[in-house]
Protein backbone atom coordinates (compact mmCIF):
# COMPACT_ATOMS: atom_id res chain seq x y z
CA MET A 1 -24.93 -3.33 8.63
CA ILE A 2 -25.15 -3.50 4.85
CA ASN A 3 -22.10 -3.26 2.64
CA ARG A 4 -21.33 -0.18 0.59
CA GLU A 5 -22.23 -1.79 -2.76
CA LEU A 6 -25.73 -2.68 -1.55
CA LYS A 7 -26.12 0.72 0.08
CA ALA A 8 -25.26 2.44 -3.20
CA ALA A 9 -27.88 0.36 -5.01
CA LEU A 10 -30.48 1.25 -2.39
CA ALA A 11 -29.57 4.95 -2.54
CA VAL A 12 -30.30 5.04 -6.26
CA THR A 13 -33.24 2.64 -6.53
CA ARG A 14 -35.10 3.29 -3.25
CA PHE A 15 -34.51 6.97 -2.60
CA GLY A 16 -34.31 7.79 -6.30
CA LEU A 17 -36.33 6.78 -9.35
CA GLY A 18 -34.24 3.88 -10.61
CA ALA A 19 -30.67 3.73 -11.84
CA ARG A 20 -29.39 5.06 -15.13
CA PRO A 21 -26.27 3.33 -16.51
CA GLY A 22 -23.29 4.25 -14.33
CA GLU A 23 -25.34 5.90 -11.59
CA ILE A 24 -24.87 3.25 -8.91
CA ALA A 25 -21.12 3.43 -9.45
CA GLU A 26 -21.28 7.22 -8.97
CA ALA A 27 -23.03 6.76 -5.62
CA SER A 28 -20.82 3.95 -4.37
CA SER A 29 -18.09 6.03 -2.71
CA ASP A 30 -20.51 7.74 -0.30
CA PRO A 31 -24.18 6.77 -0.80
CA GLU A 32 -25.52 8.99 1.98
CA GLY A 33 -23.41 11.93 0.87
CA TRP A 34 -24.58 11.39 -2.71
CA LEU A 35 -28.18 11.78 -1.53
CA ARG A 36 -27.50 14.73 0.79
CA ALA A 37 -25.88 16.62 -2.09
CA GLN A 38 -29.26 16.62 -3.85
CA ILE A 39 -30.94 18.58 -1.04
CA ARG A 40 -30.85 22.28 -1.82
CA PRO A 41 -32.63 25.35 -0.42
CA SER A 42 -33.60 26.62 -3.87
CA GLY A 43 -35.97 23.71 -4.31
CA ALA A 44 -36.52 21.18 -7.05
CA ASP A 45 -35.65 21.27 -10.72
CA GLN A 46 -38.24 22.59 -13.16
CA PRO A 47 -39.39 20.48 -16.12
CA GLN A 48 -39.20 21.94 -19.60
CA THR A 49 -42.65 23.14 -20.69
CA ASN A 50 -44.04 25.96 -22.78
CA GLY A 51 -43.55 28.23 -19.77
CA GLU A 52 -47.15 29.36 -19.39
CA THR A 53 -48.15 30.34 -15.87
CA SER A 54 -51.26 29.28 -14.00
CA VAL A 55 -52.66 32.79 -14.47
CA GLU A 56 -52.31 32.46 -18.24
CA ARG A 57 -53.91 29.02 -18.17
CA VAL A 58 -56.85 30.24 -16.08
CA ALA A 59 -57.33 33.05 -18.59
CA GLY A 60 -57.46 30.44 -21.33
CA LEU A 61 -60.07 28.44 -19.46
CA ARG A 62 -62.21 31.51 -18.96
CA ALA A 63 -61.90 32.47 -22.61
CA LEU A 64 -63.08 28.98 -23.54
CA ARG A 65 -66.02 29.29 -21.16
CA GLN A 66 -66.98 32.66 -22.62
CA MET A 67 -66.89 31.28 -26.16
CA ARG A 68 -69.17 28.43 -25.11
CA ARG A 69 -71.60 30.85 -23.54
CA ALA A 70 -71.55 32.92 -26.70
CA GLY A 71 -72.89 29.88 -28.54
CA ARG A 72 -69.97 29.39 -30.88
CA GLU A 73 -70.76 25.81 -31.78
CA GLU A 74 -70.08 26.01 -35.54
CA PRO A 75 -66.71 26.76 -37.14
CA ALA A 76 -66.23 30.39 -38.07
CA PRO A 77 -65.84 31.14 -41.80
CA ASP A 78 -62.28 30.72 -43.06
CA ALA A 79 -61.11 29.80 -39.56
CA GLY A 80 -61.19 26.90 -37.19
CA ASP A 81 -63.75 26.50 -34.46
CA PRO A 82 -62.37 28.77 -31.70
CA VAL A 83 -63.91 26.62 -28.97
CA LYS A 84 -62.34 23.44 -30.31
CA ALA A 85 -59.05 25.23 -30.89
CA ALA A 86 -58.96 26.52 -27.32
CA ARG A 87 -59.92 23.12 -25.93
CA ARG A 88 -57.23 21.42 -28.00
CA MET A 89 -54.62 23.94 -26.88
CA LEU A 90 -55.39 23.37 -23.20
CA ARG A 91 -55.40 19.58 -23.65
CA GLU A 92 -52.07 19.63 -25.47
CA ASP A 93 -50.58 21.97 -22.87
CA THR A 94 -51.51 19.52 -20.11
CA ALA A 95 -50.07 16.56 -22.03
CA ASN A 96 -46.82 18.42 -22.68
CA ASP A 97 -46.59 19.47 -19.03
CA PHE A 98 -46.70 15.83 -18.04
CA LEU A 99 -44.23 14.80 -20.72
CA GLY A 100 -41.82 17.46 -19.45
CA ARG A 101 -42.17 16.15 -15.92
CA ALA A 102 -41.59 12.54 -17.06
CA ARG A 103 -38.55 13.48 -19.14
CA LEU A 104 -37.05 15.28 -16.16
CA ALA A 105 -37.65 12.20 -13.98
CA ALA A 106 -36.10 9.90 -16.58
CA THR A 107 -32.96 11.95 -17.15
CA THR A 108 -32.18 13.80 -13.93
CA ASP A 109 -28.96 13.10 -12.08
CA ALA A 110 -30.73 14.17 -8.85
CA ALA A 111 -33.51 11.58 -8.70
CA PHE A 112 -33.82 11.73 -4.91
CA ARG A 113 -34.65 15.41 -5.25
CA GLU A 114 -37.28 14.56 -7.87
CA ARG A 115 -38.79 11.71 -5.81
CA TRP A 116 -38.99 14.00 -2.79
CA THR A 117 -40.80 16.53 -5.00
CA LEU A 118 -43.24 13.95 -6.34
CA PHE A 119 -44.10 12.95 -2.78
CA TRP A 120 -45.16 16.51 -2.00
CA ALA A 121 -47.04 16.89 -5.27
CA ASN A 122 -49.07 13.81 -4.35
CA HIS A 123 -49.52 15.00 -0.76
CA PHE A 124 -51.00 18.27 -2.05
CA THR A 125 -52.94 16.67 -4.88
CA VAL A 126 -54.51 18.78 -7.59
CA SER A 127 -56.06 16.43 -10.14
CA ALA A 128 -56.95 16.81 -13.79
CA VAL A 129 -60.15 14.79 -13.31
CA LYS A 130 -61.92 18.16 -13.29
CA VAL A 131 -61.92 20.21 -16.50
CA ALA A 132 -61.33 23.39 -14.51
CA THR A 133 -58.03 22.10 -13.13
CA ALA A 134 -56.64 20.03 -16.00
CA ALA A 135 -54.80 22.97 -17.51
CA VAL A 136 -53.26 24.20 -14.25
CA VAL A 137 -51.92 21.00 -12.68
CA GLY A 138 -48.52 21.43 -14.32
CA PRO A 139 -48.16 25.10 -13.31
CA PHE A 140 -49.38 24.19 -9.80
CA GLU A 141 -46.44 21.82 -9.37
CA SER A 142 -43.99 24.29 -10.89
CA GLU A 143 -45.16 27.33 -8.93
CA ALA A 144 -46.44 26.03 -5.60
CA ILE A 145 -44.58 22.76 -4.98
CA ARG A 146 -41.14 22.69 -6.58
CA PRO A 147 -39.78 25.98 -5.18
CA HIS A 148 -40.67 25.03 -1.59
CA VAL A 149 -39.90 21.31 -1.16
CA PHE A 150 -36.78 21.93 0.92
CA GLY A 151 -37.99 25.04 2.72
CA ARG A 152 -40.30 25.35 5.71
CA PHE A 153 -43.48 23.31 5.62
CA ARG A 154 -45.47 26.39 6.51
CA ASP A 155 -44.38 28.13 3.32
CA LEU A 156 -45.15 25.08 1.20
CA LEU A 157 -48.56 24.77 2.85
CA VAL A 158 -49.55 28.38 2.18
CA ALA A 159 -48.24 28.27 -1.39
CA ALA A 160 -50.19 25.10 -2.17
CA GLU A 161 -53.48 26.04 -0.51
CA THR A 162 -53.69 29.52 -2.06
CA HIS A 163 -52.61 28.56 -5.57
CA PRO A 164 -55.19 28.87 -8.37
CA GLY A 165 -54.93 25.13 -9.01
CA MET A 166 -55.97 24.20 -5.47
CA LEU A 167 -58.62 26.92 -5.29
CA LEU A 168 -60.21 25.58 -8.47
CA TYR A 169 -59.82 21.89 -7.62
CA LEU A 170 -61.46 22.18 -4.20
CA ASP A 171 -64.09 24.76 -5.25
CA GLN A 172 -62.78 27.47 -2.96
CA ALA A 173 -62.89 30.30 -5.49
CA GLN A 174 -66.68 30.73 -5.15
CA SER A 175 -66.95 30.22 -1.39
CA ALA A 176 -68.49 33.19 0.43
CA GLY A 177 -69.71 33.79 3.95
CA PRO A 178 -73.51 33.69 4.45
CA ASN A 179 -73.26 36.91 6.49
CA SER A 180 -70.73 38.64 4.27
CA ARG A 181 -71.34 41.84 2.37
CA ALA A 182 -71.47 39.82 -0.86
CA ALA A 183 -74.34 37.78 0.53
CA GLY A 184 -76.21 40.96 1.35
CA TYR A 185 -75.70 42.29 -2.16
CA LEU A 186 -77.14 39.13 -3.68
CA ARG A 187 -80.11 39.01 -1.33
CA ARG A 188 -81.00 42.58 -2.15
CA ALA A 189 -80.56 41.93 -5.86
CA SER A 190 -82.97 39.00 -5.66
CA ASN A 191 -85.49 40.87 -3.43
CA GLY A 192 -85.30 38.30 -0.68
CA PRO A 193 -83.25 35.62 1.03
CA GLN A 194 -83.93 32.86 -1.50
CA ARG A 195 -80.63 33.26 -3.32
CA ALA A 196 -78.11 31.81 -0.87
CA VAL A 197 -74.38 32.38 -0.95
CA GLY A 198 -72.54 29.12 -0.53
CA LEU A 199 -69.99 28.35 2.14
CA ASN A 200 -67.79 25.64 0.62
CA GLU A 201 -65.98 23.44 3.13
CA ASN A 202 -63.92 21.36 0.70
CA LEU A 203 -60.62 23.19 1.07
CA ALA A 204 -60.86 23.51 4.85
CA ARG A 205 -61.70 19.82 5.23
CA GLU A 206 -58.87 18.56 3.02
CA ILE A 207 -56.31 20.85 4.65
CA LEU A 208 -57.16 19.35 8.03
CA GLU A 209 -57.70 15.75 6.97
CA LEU A 210 -55.08 15.29 4.26
CA HIS A 211 -52.51 18.10 4.36
CA THR A 212 -51.84 18.86 8.04
CA VAL A 213 -53.05 17.16 11.25
CA GLY A 214 -54.71 14.13 9.63
CA VAL A 215 -58.06 12.49 10.21
CA ASP A 216 -57.08 11.56 13.78
CA GLY A 217 -55.54 14.94 14.50
CA GLY A 218 -58.14 16.08 17.02
CA TYR A 219 -60.46 18.28 14.96
CA GLY A 220 -64.23 18.05 14.54
CA GLN A 221 -66.90 19.22 12.16
CA ALA A 222 -67.20 22.55 13.98
CA ASP A 223 -63.50 23.16 13.29
CA VAL A 224 -63.98 22.42 9.59
CA THR A 225 -66.87 24.89 9.38
CA GLU A 226 -65.06 27.61 11.29
CA PHE A 227 -61.95 27.16 9.17
CA ALA A 228 -64.08 27.33 6.01
CA ARG A 229 -65.53 30.61 7.25
CA ALA A 230 -62.02 31.96 7.81
CA LEU A 231 -61.09 30.98 4.24
CA THR A 232 -64.00 32.84 2.65
CA GLY A 233 -62.75 35.62 0.41
CA VAL A 234 -59.69 33.63 -0.71
CA SER A 235 -60.46 33.52 -4.41
CA LEU A 236 -59.29 34.17 -7.97
CA GLY A 237 -59.24 37.44 -9.85
CA GLY A 238 -61.70 37.89 -12.67
CA PRO A 239 -62.02 40.10 -15.75
CA ARG A 240 -63.45 42.96 -13.67
CA ASP A 241 -60.46 43.03 -11.33
CA PRO A 242 -57.52 45.40 -11.84
CA SER A 243 -55.08 44.59 -14.60
CA GLY A 244 -52.79 41.70 -13.73
CA GLN A 245 -55.16 40.13 -11.20
CA ALA A 246 -57.29 38.10 -13.61
CA GLY A 247 -56.69 34.44 -12.78
CA ALA A 248 -54.37 35.29 -9.88
CA PRO A 249 -55.09 34.60 -6.19
CA VAL A 250 -56.93 37.53 -4.62
CA PHE A 251 -58.70 38.23 -1.36
CA ARG A 252 -62.27 39.47 -1.66
CA ALA A 253 -63.08 41.21 1.58
CA ALA A 254 -66.75 41.49 0.59
CA ALA A 255 -67.06 37.67 0.52
CA HIS A 256 -65.32 37.09 3.86
CA GLU A 257 -67.48 35.91 6.75
CA PRO A 258 -67.18 38.49 9.55
CA GLY A 259 -66.37 37.56 13.12
CA ALA A 260 -63.77 35.83 15.24
CA ARG A 261 -63.11 32.12 14.69
CA MET A 262 -62.37 29.20 17.00
CA VAL A 263 -60.41 26.34 15.37
CA MET A 264 -59.03 23.40 17.36
CA GLY A 265 -59.29 25.30 20.60
CA VAL A 266 -57.53 28.45 19.40
CA ARG A 267 -59.38 31.75 19.02
CA TYR A 268 -58.57 33.90 16.02
CA ARG A 269 -59.65 37.50 16.10
CA GLU A 270 -61.79 39.03 13.40
CA GLY A 271 -59.87 39.92 10.29
CA GLY A 272 -59.50 39.28 6.59
CA ARG A 273 -56.77 37.37 4.80
CA GLU A 274 -54.64 37.31 7.95
CA GLN A 275 -57.24 35.22 9.78
CA ALA A 276 -56.86 32.31 7.36
CA GLU A 277 -53.08 32.68 7.25
CA ALA A 278 -52.88 32.58 11.05
CA ILE A 279 -54.80 29.30 11.11
CA LEU A 280 -52.59 27.82 8.39
CA SER A 281 -49.47 28.84 10.31
CA ASP A 282 -50.76 27.22 13.49
CA LEU A 283 -51.72 24.03 11.67
CA ALA A 284 -48.25 23.82 10.15
CA ALA A 285 -46.72 24.05 13.63
CA LYS A 286 -48.95 21.50 15.37
CA PRO A 287 -47.31 18.27 16.57
CA GLN A 288 -50.14 16.29 14.97
CA THR A 289 -49.03 17.64 11.59
CA ALA A 290 -45.42 16.58 12.15
CA ARG A 291 -46.58 13.12 13.22
CA PHE A 292 -49.01 12.65 10.33
CA VAL A 293 -46.77 13.91 7.54
CA CYS A 294 -43.61 12.19 8.78
CA ALA A 295 -45.44 8.87 8.92
CA LYS A 296 -46.44 9.41 5.28
CA ILE A 297 -42.83 10.13 4.32
CA ALA A 298 -41.70 6.92 5.99
CA ARG A 299 -44.39 4.92 4.17
CA HIS A 300 -43.53 6.48 0.83
CA PHE A 301 -39.81 5.87 0.95
CA VAL A 302 -39.37 2.68 2.93
CA ALA A 303 -42.36 0.39 3.54
CA ASP A 304 -46.14 0.26 3.61
CA ASP A 305 -45.76 -0.54 7.32
CA PRO A 306 -42.43 1.07 8.27
CA ASP A 307 -40.54 0.76 11.53
CA PRO A 308 -42.18 3.28 13.91
CA ALA A 309 -38.69 4.41 14.91
CA LEU A 310 -38.20 5.89 11.45
CA ALA A 311 -41.30 8.09 11.63
CA ALA A 312 -40.33 9.13 15.16
CA ARG A 313 -36.85 10.08 13.98
CA LEU A 314 -38.28 12.22 11.18
CA GLU A 315 -40.76 13.80 13.56
CA ARG A 316 -38.00 14.83 15.95
CA SER A 317 -36.10 16.48 13.10
CA TRP A 318 -39.27 18.28 11.97
CA THR A 319 -39.97 19.59 15.46
CA ALA A 320 -36.39 20.61 16.25
CA SER A 321 -36.04 22.54 12.99
CA GLY A 322 -39.44 24.22 13.02
CA GLY A 323 -40.70 22.23 10.04
CA ARG A 324 -37.65 22.65 7.79
CA LEU A 325 -38.08 20.06 5.09
CA ASP A 326 -34.39 20.00 4.16
CA LYS A 327 -33.63 18.84 7.69
CA VAL A 328 -36.34 16.18 7.48
CA ALA A 329 -34.85 14.96 4.19
CA GLU A 330 -31.42 14.79 5.82
CA ALA A 331 -32.88 12.83 8.72
CA LEU A 332 -34.43 10.36 6.27
CA VAL A 333 -31.13 9.81 4.48
CA SER A 334 -29.23 9.25 7.73
CA ALA A 335 -31.85 7.03 9.40
CA PRO A 336 -30.67 3.41 9.68
CA GLU A 337 -34.27 2.21 9.42
CA ALA A 338 -34.45 3.67 5.90
CA TRP A 339 -31.66 1.37 4.72
CA ALA A 340 -33.26 -1.99 5.44
CA ALA A 341 -31.92 -4.40 2.85
CA ALA A 342 -35.24 -5.95 1.83
CA PRO A 343 -37.00 -4.02 -0.97
CA VAL A 344 -40.67 -3.96 0.01
CA LYS A 345 -42.16 -0.90 -1.69
CA PHE A 346 -43.96 -1.93 -4.88
CA LYS A 347 -43.57 0.62 -7.67
CA THR A 348 -46.57 2.56 -8.90
CA PRO A 349 -47.07 2.47 -12.69
CA TYR A 350 -45.42 5.88 -13.07
CA GLU A 351 -42.40 4.75 -11.03
CA PHE A 352 -42.20 1.53 -13.04
CA VAL A 353 -42.27 3.32 -16.39
CA ILE A 354 -39.77 5.98 -15.33
CA SER A 355 -37.37 3.45 -13.83
CA SER A 356 -37.61 1.39 -17.03
CA TRP A 357 -36.61 4.40 -19.12
CA ARG A 358 -33.77 5.10 -16.71
CA ALA A 359 -32.55 1.50 -16.95
CA ALA A 360 -32.57 1.83 -20.73
CA GLY A 361 -30.70 5.14 -20.55
CA GLY A 362 -33.45 7.01 -22.40
CA ALA A 363 -36.53 9.17 -21.89
CA PRO A 364 -40.07 9.30 -23.27
CA GLY A 365 -40.51 11.60 -26.25
CA ASP A 366 -44.15 11.24 -27.23
CA ALA A 367 -46.82 12.68 -24.94
CA ALA A 368 -49.63 10.65 -26.50
CA ALA A 369 -47.72 7.37 -26.23
CA LEU A 370 -46.84 8.10 -22.59
CA ALA A 371 -50.48 8.86 -21.84
CA ARG A 372 -51.62 5.59 -23.44
CA THR A 373 -49.07 3.65 -21.41
CA LEU A 374 -50.10 5.11 -18.06
CA ASN A 375 -53.80 4.88 -18.89
CA GLY A 376 -53.33 1.20 -19.65
CA LEU A 377 -51.42 0.61 -16.43
CA GLY A 378 -54.05 2.39 -14.34
CA GLN A 379 -52.36 5.66 -13.40
CA ARG A 380 -53.65 8.32 -15.77
CA ALA A 381 -51.40 11.35 -16.05
CA PHE A 382 -52.11 14.12 -13.52
CA SER A 383 -55.40 12.40 -12.61
CA ALA A 384 -55.36 11.07 -9.06
CA PRO A 385 -58.85 9.75 -8.28
CA SER A 386 -59.42 11.93 -5.22
CA PRO A 387 -57.78 14.63 -3.09
CA LYS A 388 -56.03 11.80 -1.22
CA GLY A 389 -53.74 11.43 -4.22
CA TRP A 390 -52.50 8.18 -5.70
CA PRO A 391 -52.28 5.18 -3.35
CA GLU A 392 -48.77 3.92 -2.69
CA ASP A 393 -49.36 0.53 -1.09
CA ALA A 394 -48.62 -2.75 -2.87
CA ALA A 395 -52.22 -3.95 -2.64
CA SER A 396 -53.35 -1.11 -4.88
CA TRP A 397 -50.96 -1.95 -7.74
CA ALA A 398 -49.92 -5.61 -7.55
CA ALA A 399 -53.13 -7.36 -8.60
CA PRO A 400 -52.60 -10.21 -11.13
CA ASP A 401 -54.22 -8.37 -14.04
CA ALA A 402 -52.03 -5.33 -13.33
CA ILE A 403 -48.91 -7.52 -13.44
CA VAL A 404 -49.99 -8.96 -16.79
CA LYS A 405 -50.38 -5.43 -18.19
CA ARG A 406 -46.92 -4.50 -16.95
CA MET A 407 -45.47 -7.60 -18.58
CA THR A 408 -47.11 -6.80 -21.92
CA TRP A 409 -45.76 -3.26 -21.81
CA ALA A 410 -42.29 -4.44 -20.70
CA GLU A 411 -42.03 -6.80 -23.66
CA ALA A 412 -42.90 -4.06 -26.15
CA PHE A 413 -40.65 -1.53 -24.42
CA ALA A 414 -37.71 -3.95 -24.35
CA ALA A 415 -38.11 -4.76 -28.03
CA ALA A 416 -38.04 -1.05 -28.88
CA THR A 417 -35.14 0.04 -26.66
CA VAL A 418 -32.58 -2.67 -25.91
CA GLY A 419 -30.97 -2.77 -29.37
CA GLY A 420 -27.64 -4.58 -29.48
CA ARG A 421 -26.73 -3.94 -25.84
CA ASP A 422 -25.97 -6.72 -23.38
CA PRO A 423 -29.06 -7.13 -21.13
CA LEU A 424 -26.96 -8.58 -18.30
CA GLU A 425 -24.81 -5.46 -18.27
CA LEU A 426 -27.96 -3.34 -18.23
CA ALA A 427 -29.29 -5.42 -15.32
CA THR A 428 -26.10 -4.97 -13.34
CA ALA A 429 -26.18 -1.23 -13.97
CA ALA A 430 -29.88 -0.99 -13.03
CA LEU A 431 -29.76 -3.01 -9.81
CA GLY A 432 -26.15 -3.30 -8.73
CA ALA A 433 -25.79 -5.49 -5.65
CA ARG A 434 -29.58 -5.92 -5.53
CA LEU A 435 -29.50 -8.16 -8.62
CA ARG A 436 -30.28 -11.71 -7.45
CA PRO A 437 -28.32 -14.64 -8.89
CA ALA A 438 -31.56 -16.27 -10.06
CA THR A 439 -32.52 -13.18 -12.03
CA ALA A 440 -29.05 -12.85 -13.53
CA THR A 441 -29.19 -16.50 -14.63
CA ALA A 442 -32.63 -16.06 -16.22
CA ILE A 443 -31.43 -12.99 -18.12
CA ALA A 444 -28.29 -14.78 -19.33
CA ARG A 445 -30.31 -17.78 -20.58
CA ALA A 446 -33.01 -15.76 -22.37
CA GLU A 447 -33.50 -16.53 -26.05
CA SER A 448 -33.16 -12.91 -27.17
CA ARG A 449 -31.95 -9.53 -25.93
CA PRO A 450 -35.50 -8.08 -25.79
CA GLU A 451 -36.71 -11.07 -23.80
CA ALA A 452 -33.77 -10.75 -21.42
CA PHE A 453 -34.37 -7.04 -20.85
CA ALA A 454 -38.10 -7.66 -20.28
CA LEU A 455 -37.17 -10.30 -17.69
CA LEU A 456 -35.11 -7.65 -15.89
CA LEU A 457 -38.01 -5.17 -15.87
CA MET A 458 -40.43 -7.79 -14.52
CA SER A 459 -38.04 -9.22 -11.93
CA PRO A 460 -39.12 -8.96 -8.29
CA GLU A 461 -36.17 -6.76 -7.40
CA PHE A 462 -36.89 -4.31 -10.24
CA GLN A 463 -40.61 -4.14 -9.43
CA ARG A 464 -39.79 -3.22 -5.85
CA ARG A 465 -37.50 -0.60 -4.40
């Protein structure tokens, strides 16, 4: 058993995103209850952005593409270059989306709710490494992830996989069945079979491997192909579609591969959109999905190699509730395995920067400066390197050169933020009962306030949660 003071510190620094001044004291009366109060059916908080939807962003991308095709390479008379202006607008929108998300993380009084949301955003990664998706990553999180993080997994799954961001990122929008009516149109237009219509398997593969049953979930290549055929026709509206559909998810029956499907031993009758939705619903309900995703939750919150009993406890809650994520979150909070005293999860660069702002009682205010910081620390904003998302294990982030970069940033950050405040008081507020005597002594003996605050940020207990 751990005492209440240590449990309050763990509630804020392990389940949350780091303590703001006074936050550990707020949680101390009932740490578990403090966390449970952050679970709500309406979903996560929304960051402050310019409010543009994914549909509006897709329209902007298409307008940019049309201007490029029109050959507008030189600035128009008495006006700026429309291509450069559109590109700059989309780039700034993406940067401001990320700044809004970071400011929410740094200031929220419901940091467990935000961490839970960030887990799901990473699970259903849409990355800005592709130009086509850079502008819609922020709206993807706001529209597909945040409203559903405490609902049923099935609803979150469908929302994420059919969102314009995911359809663009995994190249689903152009996928069409080789035997579909669209394929026939193109073959006739080209006077022969040489112009093939592509079946793209990216979305189907990642849903199976990364989002539901997992790589060891019992599927094979034939299941990937059949699922990809079922997904054909799931696309985005274009300028020729009815008003209001441009950039929005649509189903193109002409591109759908006809026929019944067999996926993981289950036969799905011939149909259109409902065929893909039936497969998604079944994947959401499979025990392999509960096992795979609950193990990921345990690794994210507690340890790179967590106690198997924790994952099993989460899995039982998932199964008993029919995939209700609020119940899984409650099971996590109440699981004794989640409250192990030793902090073993090493913070990612984003977690380190956000927790540093929270310890200082502030928030980032400059999108460009935030981008430079995260680029330097190796976690570029909205740019996970693959559909697997960002790694979360210590080995990926704790290399010696990475620690040196954190230290350099911590020194500059401390010099800019600590002011005349007592660093030892800040340390006590940031770590509570987790503050080690050796760290407290080093902070007290530091030659300056900035040096003392930097020592806090680079201490082993602050770097881990």
